[in-house]
């Protein structure tokens, strides 16, 4: 279970965001250590930074544990980013902003936000194991708050773990390429999560996911499926292009897909346990092709077929590298949009 990773991690101490490249994400889920060397100076420095950025004349608060954590977050952000993100960050004790963009679930606290920002900083990703740890830790943070923004990550965590096992077991002929794909693929998720948390521009498709994840009238299963929709229809082809995938890599790409199907029961179980979402019919149909007749309809079965989506992603990833790029981009956008509309209709009908 994903929550087992979180439970073990809660006894570890997060490091400050500032000047911490390559921090082990396994050390990022937990309570702040009151013995850490924060003092009044960090709060005063943070308020000076805030006042310099905003033109305000705030006075530094008593430098409590929470104020010190808030101050560390303030100091980690450049002025433009700070002003844009501040209304959506939990900066209650320092500057009076208490909104952490809570949607469906409990409000994220300052530890949650600091850790999520560190974990989603793709510039510090080191290797595939690092990716696996970050995805698991992100899933755990959202899961602990029952925050629907984590529904996709709950699906993604066992998939990433299975990818790591394939690399470890020597499944792929082009193992360097396979690891590059895993890292690049996850990097696109990290990048958009990081932007979302800081109220910056995400891709249109990930923006749709985060809008849905904070709309509690939507079905959480629809939210999870929406994230899968974005990642496979949009992120996967671009990832294949970025790492310059060639025809000789296709066999490994196919193996990767077959490997991931094996984790379907696990991701269904985790969604049920954490978010009380029964995705059995939908995700069994999507990943295993085991559709329930008369429930989802022919268009759904055609649109949401994992192997079909992967095949299109491979073709588009090849086309993106040549003159056919404009065709690929149009097809990717149309496929994502069509799938999004089907999910909306299934949600409205109460099917998912």
Foldseek 3Di string as FASTA:
>chain_A
DLLVLLVVLQVAAADQPPPDFQPQLSRQRHDHDPPPPDAQVLQQVLVVQVCVLPVDDDDRFHCDPQSSLLSSVSVRDHSVLCVQQVLQACNCRRPNRHHVPAAPFAGQGSSLLRSLLNLLPLVRQDWLVSLLSSLSSNLNSCLVRLQLLNLQSLLVNVLSVLLVVCLVVVVAPPSVLSRLLSSQLSNLVSVQSNCVSSNHDHPPQVVVLVVQSRPVLFDSVLSNVSSVLCSLLPSLLVSLQVSPPDPVRVVVLVVSLVSSLVCLVVSQVSCCVRNVDRCPQPSCCQSVVPHDPPQLDDVSSVLRHNVVSSVLSVVQSVCCNDPNVVVSVVVSVVSSVVNNVSSVVCRVVVSD
